């Protein structure tokens, strides 16, 4: 397909041959990262359906997630009204940030005229909370800090972690039948399930994909 057919001739690259690219979760609308692309990166993105950028620090083409496995499936590329910014709408195959956070925009600033709001309006949502939990769990596994319960679970291995998931599942059943502390017991179950997924090398996105495939 020619550039004219793709519409890439409308892109206004800057003097360095780059264009800023905002990457957004196609399902939730959450902004995941801001990067830059040159013409080759845009062409590769459109050809492969995966996010490609240009690394200004390394001076080379950058296939997002090629090293970590956290690739970003691009379902749509949009161009703004001035032609000088692109939007990659993606289905994340893992965290977009190198820190393990889902989004690179996980920190906040505040001033006299600007307060702190829930991140992307999703601070209290179940999905956003579990995503942050998964990031913390992954960090604990990488660093294995002394005195960390999560690190201790990883030291015990899959069998012990799976056993804890079973125990917490029973606690949830008991709490439901007694109608007391159900939320607390459910939280314990979710935590241990996230640890088990990390132990087995599965991210939350793998589970989300199964749910999407089943329920649309």
Protein backbone atom coordinates (compact mmCIF):
# COMPACT_ATOMS: atom_id res chain seq x y z
CA UNK A 1 0.00 0.00 0.00
CA UNK A 2 1.39 3.41 -0.97
CA UNK A 3 1.88 6.28 1.49
CA UNK A 4 -0.87 8.16 -0.32
CA UNK A 5 -3.26 5.27 0.27
CA UNK A 6 -2.22 5.05 3.91
CA UNK A 7 -2.58 8.77 4.38
CA UNK A 8 0.88 9.13 5.91
CA UNK A 9 1.70 11.93 3.49
CA UNK A 10 -0.39 14.19 5.72
CA UNK A 11 2.01 13.77 8.65
CA UNK A 12 4.00 16.93 9.41
CA UNK A 13 7.32 15.69 10.80
CA UNK A 14 9.48 18.21 12.67
CA UNK A 15 12.95 19.37 11.65
CA UNK A 16 14.47 16.18 13.08
CA UNK A 17 12.08 14.04 11.07
CA UNK A 18 10.01 13.08 14.11
CA UNK A 19 6.37 13.31 15.15
CA UNK A 20 5.05 12.92 18.73
CA UNK A 21 2.84 9.88 19.30
CA UNK A 22 0.34 9.50 22.13
CA UNK A 23 -0.41 5.86 22.93
CA UNK A 24 -3.89 5.19 24.33
CA UNK A 25 -5.68 2.06 25.53
CA UNK A 26 -8.36 1.50 22.89
CA UNK A 27 -10.75 -0.04 25.41
CA UNK A 28 -10.46 2.27 28.43
CA UNK A 29 -9.22 5.49 26.84
CA UNK A 30 -6.34 5.66 29.33
CA UNK A 31 -3.25 7.47 28.06
CA UNK A 32 -0.32 5.05 28.32
CA UNK A 33 2.75 6.90 27.06
CA UNK A 34 4.12 9.68 24.87
CA UNK A 35 6.89 8.81 22.42
CA UNK A 36 8.23 9.89 19.04
CA UNK A 37 8.19 8.23 15.64
CA UNK A 38 10.02 8.83 12.40
CA UNK A 39 8.61 7.85 9.01
CA UNK A 40 10.05 4.34 9.21
CA UNK A 41 8.49 3.76 12.64
CA UNK A 42 5.08 4.85 11.37
CA UNK A 43 5.40 2.61 8.32
CA UNK A 44 6.44 -0.38 10.44
CA UNK A 45 3.54 0.22 12.82
CA UNK A 46 1.05 0.23 9.96
CA UNK A 47 2.64 -2.83 8.37
CA UNK A 48 2.89 -5.01 11.49
CA UNK A 49 0.07 -3.80 13.74
CA UNK A 50 2.50 -3.35 16.63
CA UNK A 51 3.80 -0.07 18.06
CA UNK A 52 7.10 1.18 16.69
CA UNK A 53 8.78 4.41 17.77
CA UNK A 54 12.10 6.18 17.32
CA UNK A 55 14.38 6.33 20.36
CA UNK A 56 15.91 9.79 20.51
CA UNK A 57 18.41 8.73 23.18
CA UNK A 58 19.65 5.69 21.26
CA UNK A 59 19.12 7.13 17.79
CA UNK A 60 17.43 4.02 16.45
CA UNK A 61 14.11 2.39 15.62
CA UNK A 62 12.36 1.06 18.72
CA UNK A 63 9.90 -1.84 18.69
CA UNK A 64 7.89 -1.23 21.85
CA UNK A 65 8.01 -4.27 24.14
CA UNK A 66 10.35 -6.31 21.95
CA UNK A 67 12.68 -6.94 24.90
CA UNK A 68 10.18 -7.16 27.77
CA UNK A 69 7.45 -8.95 25.85
CA UNK A 70 5.03 -6.13 26.67
CA UNK A 71 4.19 -5.33 23.06
CA UNK A 72 1.35 -3.00 22.15
CA UNK A 73 -1.11 -4.20 19.50
CA UNK A 74 -2.14 -1.18 17.44
CA UNK A 75 -5.78 -1.31 16.36
CA UNK A 76 -6.00 2.22 14.95
CA UNK A 77 -3.72 5.14 14.13
CA UNK A 78 -5.21 8.64 14.20
CA UNK A 79 -3.75 11.97 13.14
CA UNK A 80 -4.67 15.30 14.71
CA UNK A 81 -6.18 18.29 12.93
CA UNK A 82 -2.78 19.94 12.34
CA UNK A 83 -1.13 16.75 11.16
CA UNK A 84 1.72 17.07 13.66
CA UNK A 85 0.68 14.53 16.31
CA UNK A 86 -0.37 10.88 16.05
CA UNK A 87 -2.52 8.73 18.31
CA UNK A 88 -1.89 4.99 18.54
CA UNK A 89 -4.96 3.25 19.93
CA UNK A 90 -3.73 -0.06 21.30
CA UNK A 91 -4.61 -3.29 23.03
CA UNK A 92 -1.80 -3.56 25.61
CA UNK A 93 -0.11 -6.94 25.88
CA UNK A 94 1.46 -5.84 29.16
CA UNK A 95 2.48 -2.69 31.05
CA UNK A 96 3.39 0.25 28.84
CA UNK A 97 5.88 1.67 31.33
CA UNK A 98 9.35 0.24 31.97
CA UNK A 99 8.66 0.54 35.72
CA UNK A 100 5.95 -2.11 35.49
CA UNK A 101 3.15 0.44 35.76
CA UNK A 102 0.38 0.13 33.21
CA UNK A 103 0.80 3.77 32.17
CA UNK A 104 3.86 6.02 32.19
CA UNK A 105 1.59 8.74 33.63
CA UNK A 106 1.29 7.30 37.14
CA UNK A 107 2.75 10.29 39.03
CA UNK A 108 1.03 13.57 39.82
CA UNK A 109 1.89 17.23 40.31
CA UNK A 110 -0.12 19.72 42.35
CA UNK A 111 -0.06 23.45 42.97
CA UNK A 112 -2.17 26.19 44.49
CA UNK A 113 -4.46 26.22 41.48
CA UNK A 114 -4.35 22.51 40.71
CA UNK A 115 -5.28 19.72 43.07
CA UNK A 116 -4.93 15.97 42.91
CA UNK A 117 -7.63 13.93 41.24
CA UNK A 118 -7.98 10.18 40.98
CA UNK A 119 -5.64 9.05 38.21
CA UNK A 120 -7.57 9.22 34.94
CA UNK A 121 -10.72 9.16 37.07
CA UNK A 122 -10.05 5.48 37.70
CA UNK A 123 -8.36 5.54 41.12
CA UNK A 124 -11.22 3.73 42.84
CA UNK A 125 -11.95 1.33 39.99
CA UNK A 126 -11.25 -2.34 40.56
CA UNK A 127 -9.28 -2.77 37.35
CA UNK A 128 -6.93 0.17 37.95
CA UNK A 129 -6.30 -0.92 41.54
CA UNK A 130 -5.48 -4.49 40.57
CA UNK A 131 -3.20 -3.25 37.78
CA UNK A 132 -1.20 -1.20 40.28
CA UNK A 133 -1.12 -4.17 42.64
CA UNK A 134 0.27 -6.34 39.84
CA UNK A 135 2.99 -3.75 39.23
CA UNK A 136 3.99 -3.79 42.91
CA UNK A 137 3.99 -7.61 42.97
CA UNK A 138 6.22 -7.72 39.88
CA UNK A 139 8.60 -5.23 41.52
CA UNK A 140 8.77 -7.33 44.70
CA UNK A 141 9.67 -10.37 42.61
CA UNK A 142 12.44 -8.50 40.83
CA UNK A 143 13.96 -6.96 43.96
CA UNK A 144 13.03 -9.59 46.60
CA UNK A 145 13.32 -7.13 49.53
CA UNK A 146 14.03 -8.59 52.95
CA UNK A 147 10.97 -8.79 55.20
CA UNK A 148 8.49 -8.62 52.32
CA UNK A 149 5.60 -11.10 52.56
CA UNK A 150 5.29 -11.08 48.78
CA UNK A 151 8.98 -11.90 48.37
CA UNK A 152 8.58 -14.67 50.95
CA UNK A 153 5.79 -16.21 48.87
CA UNK A 154 7.99 -16.21 45.78
CA UNK A 155 10.75 -17.88 47.78
CA UNK A 156 8.32 -20.66 48.76
CA UNK A 157 7.39 -21.26 45.13
CA UNK A 158 4.35 -22.19 43.06
CA UNK A 159 3.02 -24.94 45.31
CA UNK A 160 2.82 -22.71 48.39
CA UNK A 161 1.35 -19.78 46.47
CA UNK A 162 -1.29 -22.03 44.90
CA UNK A 163 -2.08 -23.42 48.34
CA UNK A 164 -2.62 -19.88 49.66
CA UNK A 165 -5.01 -19.14 46.79
CA UNK A 166 -7.01 -22.22 47.77
CA UNK A 167 -7.04 -21.22 51.44
CA UNK A 168 -8.15 -17.69 50.64
CA UNK A 169 -10.87 -19.06 48.35
CA UNK A 170 -12.27 -21.04 51.27
CA UNK A 171 -12.13 -17.91 53.44
CA UNK A 172 -14.19 -16.07 50.83
CA UNK A 173 -16.83 -18.81 50.88
CA UNK A 174 -17.01 -18.73 54.68
CA UNK A 175 -17.25 -14.93 54.73
CA UNK A 176 -20.07 -15.02 52.19
CA UNK A 177 -22.02 -17.58 54.19
CA UNK A 178 -21.52 -15.65 57.42
CA UNK A 179 -22.13 -12.32 55.65
CA UNK A 180 -19.13 -10.68 57.26
CA UNK A 181 -15.81 -9.26 56.02
CA UNK A 182 -16.47 -10.51 52.49
CA UNK A 183 -14.68 -7.56 50.85
CA UNK A 184 -11.59 -8.08 53.01
CA UNK A 185 -11.43 -11.80 52.27
CA UNK A 186 -12.04 -11.19 48.57
CA UNK A 187 -9.16 -8.69 48.55
CA UNK A 188 -6.86 -11.31 50.10
CA UNK A 189 -7.90 -13.78 47.41
CA UNK A 190 -7.26 -11.31 44.59
CA UNK A 191 -3.84 -10.43 46.01
CA UNK A 192 -2.72 -14.06 46.21
CA UNK A 193 -4.14 -14.75 42.74
CA UNK A 194 -2.09 -11.86 41.33
CA UNK A 195 1.01 -13.32 43.01
CA UNK A 196 0.26 -16.73 41.48
CA UNK A 197 -0.17 -15.23 38.01
CA UNK A 198 3.17 -13.42 38.36
CA UNK A 199 4.83 -16.63 39.55
CA UNK A 200 3.56 -18.48 36.49
CA UNK A 201 4.55 -15.69 34.10
CA UNK A 202 1.02 -14.57 33.26
CA UNK A 203 -0.05 -10.93 33.26
CA UNK A 204 -3.51 -9.56 33.98
CA UNK A 205 -3.92 -8.90 30.26
CA UNK A 206 -3.83 -12.65 29.58
CA UNK A 207 -6.82 -13.12 31.89
CA UNK A 208 -8.57 -10.06 30.47
CA UNK A 209 -8.17 -11.43 26.95
CA UNK A 210 -9.87 -14.69 27.92
CA UNK A 211 -12.75 -12.74 29.46
CA UNK A 212 -13.08 -10.55 26.36
CA UNK A 213 -13.05 -13.59 24.09
CA UNK A 214 -15.76 -15.24 26.18
CA UNK A 215 -18.02 -12.29 26.73
CA UNK A 216 -17.20 -9.89 23.90
